[in-house]
Amino acid sequence: MRTTHLCPVEKLVELHYRTLFRFARKLCDSPATAMVLTQRTFKEALKRPEVWPLPANVRLWLVGILLNQALDH
């Protein structure tokens, strides 16, 4: 993990990418599709930063977005 100061977006990705990717991998059983779903999840989350939940709830919020992306996929 880097020790430099991260912007909120970089920190969000750094903290949650691996967890979301692993979850997506279990859902779709394809690394390529899991990567696409994870990237789409962050893209969707970054569209409206004004609705980001409190830090304690971010992971659950992102998992919900990922599930919606998987269902739409």
N, C-alpha and C. Protein backbone atom coordinates (compact mmCIF):
# COMPACT_ATOMS: atom_id res chain seq x y z
N MET A 1 0.83 -1.17 0.00
CA MET A 1 0.00 0.00 0.00
C MET A 1 0.89 1.25 0.00
N ARG A 2 0.51 2.23 -0.78
CA ARG A 2 1.29 3.46 -0.85
C ARG A 2 1.10 4.28 0.42
N THR A 3 2.12 5.07 0.73
CA THR A 3 2.03 5.93 1.92
C THR A 3 1.80 7.38 1.55
N THR A 4 1.70 7.68 0.26
CA THR A 4 1.45 9.05 -0.16
C THR A 4 -0.02 9.38 0.05
N HIS A 5 -0.32 10.66 0.01
CA HIS A 5 -1.71 11.08 0.14
C HIS A 5 -2.46 10.74 -1.13
N LEU A 6 -3.61 10.16 -0.97
CA LEU A 6 -4.43 9.77 -2.10
C LEU A 6 -5.67 10.65 -2.17
N CYS A 7 -6.12 10.92 -3.39
CA CYS A 7 -7.38 11.62 -3.54
C CYS A 7 -8.49 10.64 -3.17
N PRO A 8 -9.69 11.13 -2.88
CA PRO A 8 -10.77 10.23 -2.45
C PRO A 8 -11.06 9.08 -3.43
N VAL A 9 -10.95 9.36 -4.72
CA VAL A 9 -11.22 8.32 -5.72
C VAL A 9 -10.15 7.23 -5.66
N GLU A 10 -8.90 7.62 -5.63
CA GLU A 10 -7.82 6.65 -5.56
C GLU A 10 -7.92 5.81 -4.28
N LYS A 11 -8.26 6.46 -3.19
CA LYS A 11 -8.39 5.75 -1.92
C LYS A 11 -9.55 4.76 -1.98
N LEU A 12 -10.65 5.16 -2.57
CA LEU A 12 -11.81 4.29 -2.73
C LEU A 12 -11.43 3.03 -3.50
N VAL A 13 -10.74 3.22 -4.61
CA VAL A 13 -10.33 2.08 -5.45
C VAL A 13 -9.32 1.21 -4.70
N GLU A 14 -8.32 1.84 -4.11
CA GLU A 14 -7.28 1.08 -3.42
C GLU A 14 -7.84 0.25 -2.27
N LEU A 15 -8.79 0.79 -1.55
CA LEU A 15 -9.36 0.09 -0.41
C LEU A 15 -10.30 -1.05 -0.80
N HIS A 16 -10.99 -0.92 -1.93
CA HIS A 16 -12.08 -1.86 -2.21
C HIS A 16 -11.94 -2.68 -3.48
N TYR A 17 -10.95 -2.40 -4.32
CA TYR A 17 -10.86 -3.11 -5.60
C TYR A 17 -10.74 -4.62 -5.42
N ARG A 18 -9.83 -5.06 -4.60
CA ARG A 18 -9.60 -6.51 -4.45
C ARG A 18 -10.84 -7.23 -3.94
N THR A 19 -11.49 -6.65 -2.95
CA THR A 19 -12.70 -7.28 -2.39
C THR A 19 -13.77 -7.40 -3.45
N LEU A 20 -13.99 -6.32 -4.20
CA LEU A 20 -15.02 -6.34 -5.23
C LEU A 20 -14.67 -7.31 -6.36
N PHE A 21 -13.41 -7.32 -6.74
CA PHE A 21 -12.99 -8.24 -7.81
C PHE A 21 -13.20 -9.69 -7.39
N ARG A 22 -12.80 -10.03 -6.17
CA ARG A 22 -12.99 -11.41 -5.69
C ARG A 22 -14.47 -11.79 -5.66
N PHE A 23 -15.30 -10.86 -5.22
CA PHE A 23 -16.74 -11.12 -5.17
C PHE A 23 -17.29 -11.31 -6.59
N ALA A 24 -16.89 -10.44 -7.50
CA ALA A 24 -17.34 -10.56 -8.89
C ALA A 24 -16.85 -11.87 -9.49
N ARG A 25 -15.65 -12.28 -9.16
CA ARG A 25 -15.08 -13.53 -9.67
C ARG A 25 -15.92 -14.72 -9.23
N LYS A 26 -16.39 -14.67 -7.99
CA LYS A 26 -17.24 -15.76 -7.50
C LYS A 26 -18.61 -15.75 -8.18
N LEU A 27 -19.10 -14.57 -8.50
CA LEU A 27 -20.40 -14.47 -9.15
C LEU A 27 -20.38 -14.98 -10.58
N CYS A 28 -19.33 -14.67 -11.33
CA CYS A 28 -19.34 -14.96 -12.76
C CYS A 28 -18.34 -16.02 -13.20
N ASP A 29 -17.43 -16.41 -12.33
CA ASP A 29 -16.45 -17.46 -12.62
C ASP A 29 -15.60 -17.18 -13.86
N SER A 30 -15.37 -15.91 -14.13
CA SER A 30 -14.53 -15.52 -15.26
C SER A 30 -13.72 -14.28 -14.84
N PRO A 31 -12.40 -14.37 -14.85
CA PRO A 31 -11.59 -13.21 -14.46
C PRO A 31 -11.84 -11.98 -15.34
N ALA A 32 -12.00 -12.18 -16.62
CA ALA A 32 -12.22 -11.04 -17.52
C ALA A 32 -13.55 -10.36 -17.22
N THR A 33 -14.59 -11.15 -17.02
CA THR A 33 -15.90 -10.57 -16.72
C THR A 33 -15.88 -9.92 -15.34
N ALA A 34 -15.18 -10.53 -14.39
CA ALA A 34 -15.07 -9.96 -13.05
C ALA A 34 -14.39 -8.60 -13.10
N MET A 35 -13.36 -8.48 -13.93
CA MET A 35 -12.66 -7.20 -14.06
C MET A 35 -13.59 -6.14 -14.65
N VAL A 36 -14.35 -6.52 -15.66
CA VAL A 36 -15.29 -5.58 -16.28
C VAL A 36 -16.35 -5.14 -15.28
N LEU A 37 -16.91 -6.08 -14.53
CA LEU A 37 -17.93 -5.74 -13.54
C LEU A 37 -17.37 -4.83 -12.45
N THR A 38 -16.16 -5.11 -12.02
CA THR A 38 -15.53 -4.28 -10.99
C THR A 38 -15.29 -2.86 -11.51
N GLN A 39 -14.80 -2.75 -12.72
CA GLN A 39 -14.57 -1.43 -13.29
C GLN A 39 -15.88 -0.68 -13.49
N ARG A 40 -16.91 -1.37 -13.94
CA ARG A 40 -18.22 -0.73 -14.11
C ARG A 40 -18.78 -0.27 -12.77
N THR A 41 -18.51 -1.05 -11.72
CA THR A 41 -18.97 -0.68 -10.39
C THR A 41 -18.36 0.65 -9.97
N PHE A 42 -17.06 0.78 -10.14
CA PHE A 42 -16.41 2.05 -9.76
C PHE A 42 -16.88 3.18 -10.66
N LYS A 43 -17.04 2.91 -11.93
CA LYS A 43 -17.52 3.95 -12.85
C LYS A 43 -18.88 4.46 -12.41
N GLU A 44 -19.77 3.55 -12.05
CA GLU A 44 -21.11 3.93 -11.59
C GLU A 44 -21.03 4.70 -10.27
N ALA A 45 -20.19 4.25 -9.37
CA ALA A 45 -20.05 4.91 -8.07
C ALA A 45 -19.50 6.33 -8.22
N LEU A 46 -18.61 6.51 -9.20
CA LEU A 46 -17.98 7.82 -9.37
C LEU A 46 -18.85 8.82 -10.11
N LYS A 47 -19.95 8.37 -10.69
CA LYS A 47 -20.84 9.30 -11.39
C LYS A 47 -21.45 10.33 -10.46
N ARG A 48 -21.71 9.93 -9.22
CA ARG A 48 -22.40 10.82 -8.29
C ARG A 48 -21.74 10.79 -6.91
N PRO A 49 -20.59 11.43 -6.77
CA PRO A 49 -19.90 11.39 -5.47
C PRO A 49 -20.70 12.05 -4.35
N GLU A 50 -21.67 12.87 -4.71
CA GLU A 50 -22.47 13.53 -3.68
C GLU A 50 -23.37 12.54 -2.93
N VAL A 51 -23.57 11.34 -3.45
CA VAL A 51 -24.41 10.36 -2.76
C VAL A 51 -23.59 9.25 -2.10
N TRP A 52 -22.27 9.41 -2.05
CA TRP A 52 -21.44 8.41 -1.39
C TRP A 52 -21.88 8.28 0.07
N PRO A 53 -21.97 7.06 0.55
CA PRO A 53 -22.36 6.87 1.95
C PRO A 53 -21.20 7.19 2.90
N LEU A 54 -21.48 7.09 4.16
CA LEU A 54 -20.42 7.25 5.16
C LEU A 54 -19.36 6.17 4.94
N PRO A 55 -18.10 6.46 5.30
CA PRO A 55 -17.03 5.50 5.05
C PRO A 55 -17.32 4.09 5.58
N ALA A 56 -18.01 3.97 6.69
CA ALA A 56 -18.31 2.65 7.25
C ALA A 56 -19.25 1.85 6.36
N ASN A 57 -19.99 2.51 5.48
CA ASN A 57 -20.98 1.84 4.63
C ASN A 57 -20.56 1.72 3.17
N VAL A 58 -19.39 2.19 2.82
CA VAL A 58 -18.97 2.24 1.42
C VAL A 58 -18.87 0.84 0.81
N ARG A 59 -18.26 -0.10 1.52
CA ARG A 59 -18.08 -1.43 0.94
C ARG A 59 -19.42 -2.08 0.61
N LEU A 60 -20.36 -2.03 1.51
CA LEU A 60 -21.68 -2.61 1.26
C LEU A 60 -22.36 -1.91 0.08
N TRP A 61 -22.22 -0.59 0.00
CA TRP A 61 -22.79 0.19 -1.10
C TRP A 61 -22.19 -0.25 -2.43
N LEU A 62 -20.87 -0.43 -2.46
CA LEU A 62 -20.19 -0.86 -3.69
C LEU A 62 -20.60 -2.28 -4.08
N VAL A 63 -20.76 -3.15 -3.11
CA VAL A 63 -21.20 -4.51 -3.39
C VAL A 63 -22.60 -4.48 -4.01
N GLY A 64 -23.46 -3.62 -3.51
CA GLY A 64 -24.80 -3.48 -4.09
C GLY A 64 -24.74 -3.02 -5.54
N ILE A 65 -23.87 -2.07 -5.81
CA ILE A 65 -23.70 -1.60 -7.19
C ILE A 65 -23.18 -2.74 -8.06
N LEU A 66 -22.21 -3.50 -7.54
CA LEU A 66 -21.65 -4.61 -8.30
C LEU A 66 -22.73 -5.66 -8.59
N LEU A 67 -23.56 -5.97 -7.62
CA LEU A 67 -24.65 -6.93 -7.85
C LEU A 67 -25.58 -6.44 -8.95
N ASN A 68 -25.91 -5.16 -8.93
CA ASN A 68 -26.76 -4.60 -10.00
C ASN A 68 -26.07 -4.69 -11.35
N GLN A 69 -24.77 -4.43 -11.38
CA GLN A 69 -24.02 -4.55 -12.64
C GLN A 69 -24.03 -5.99 -13.13
N ALA A 70 -23.88 -6.95 -12.20
CA ALA A 70 -23.88 -8.37 -12.59
C ALA A 70 -25.25 -8.77 -13.14
N LEU A 71 -26.30 -8.30 -12.51
CA LEU A 71 -27.65 -8.63 -12.98
C LEU A 71 -27.93 -8.02 -14.35
N ASP A 72 -27.43 -6.80 -14.58
CA ASP A 72 -27.61 -6.15 -15.86
C ASP A 72 -26.76 -6.78 -16.96
N HIS A 73 -25.64 -7.39 -16.55
CA HIS A 73 -24.72 -7.99 -17.50
C HIS A 73 -25.32 -9.27 -18.01
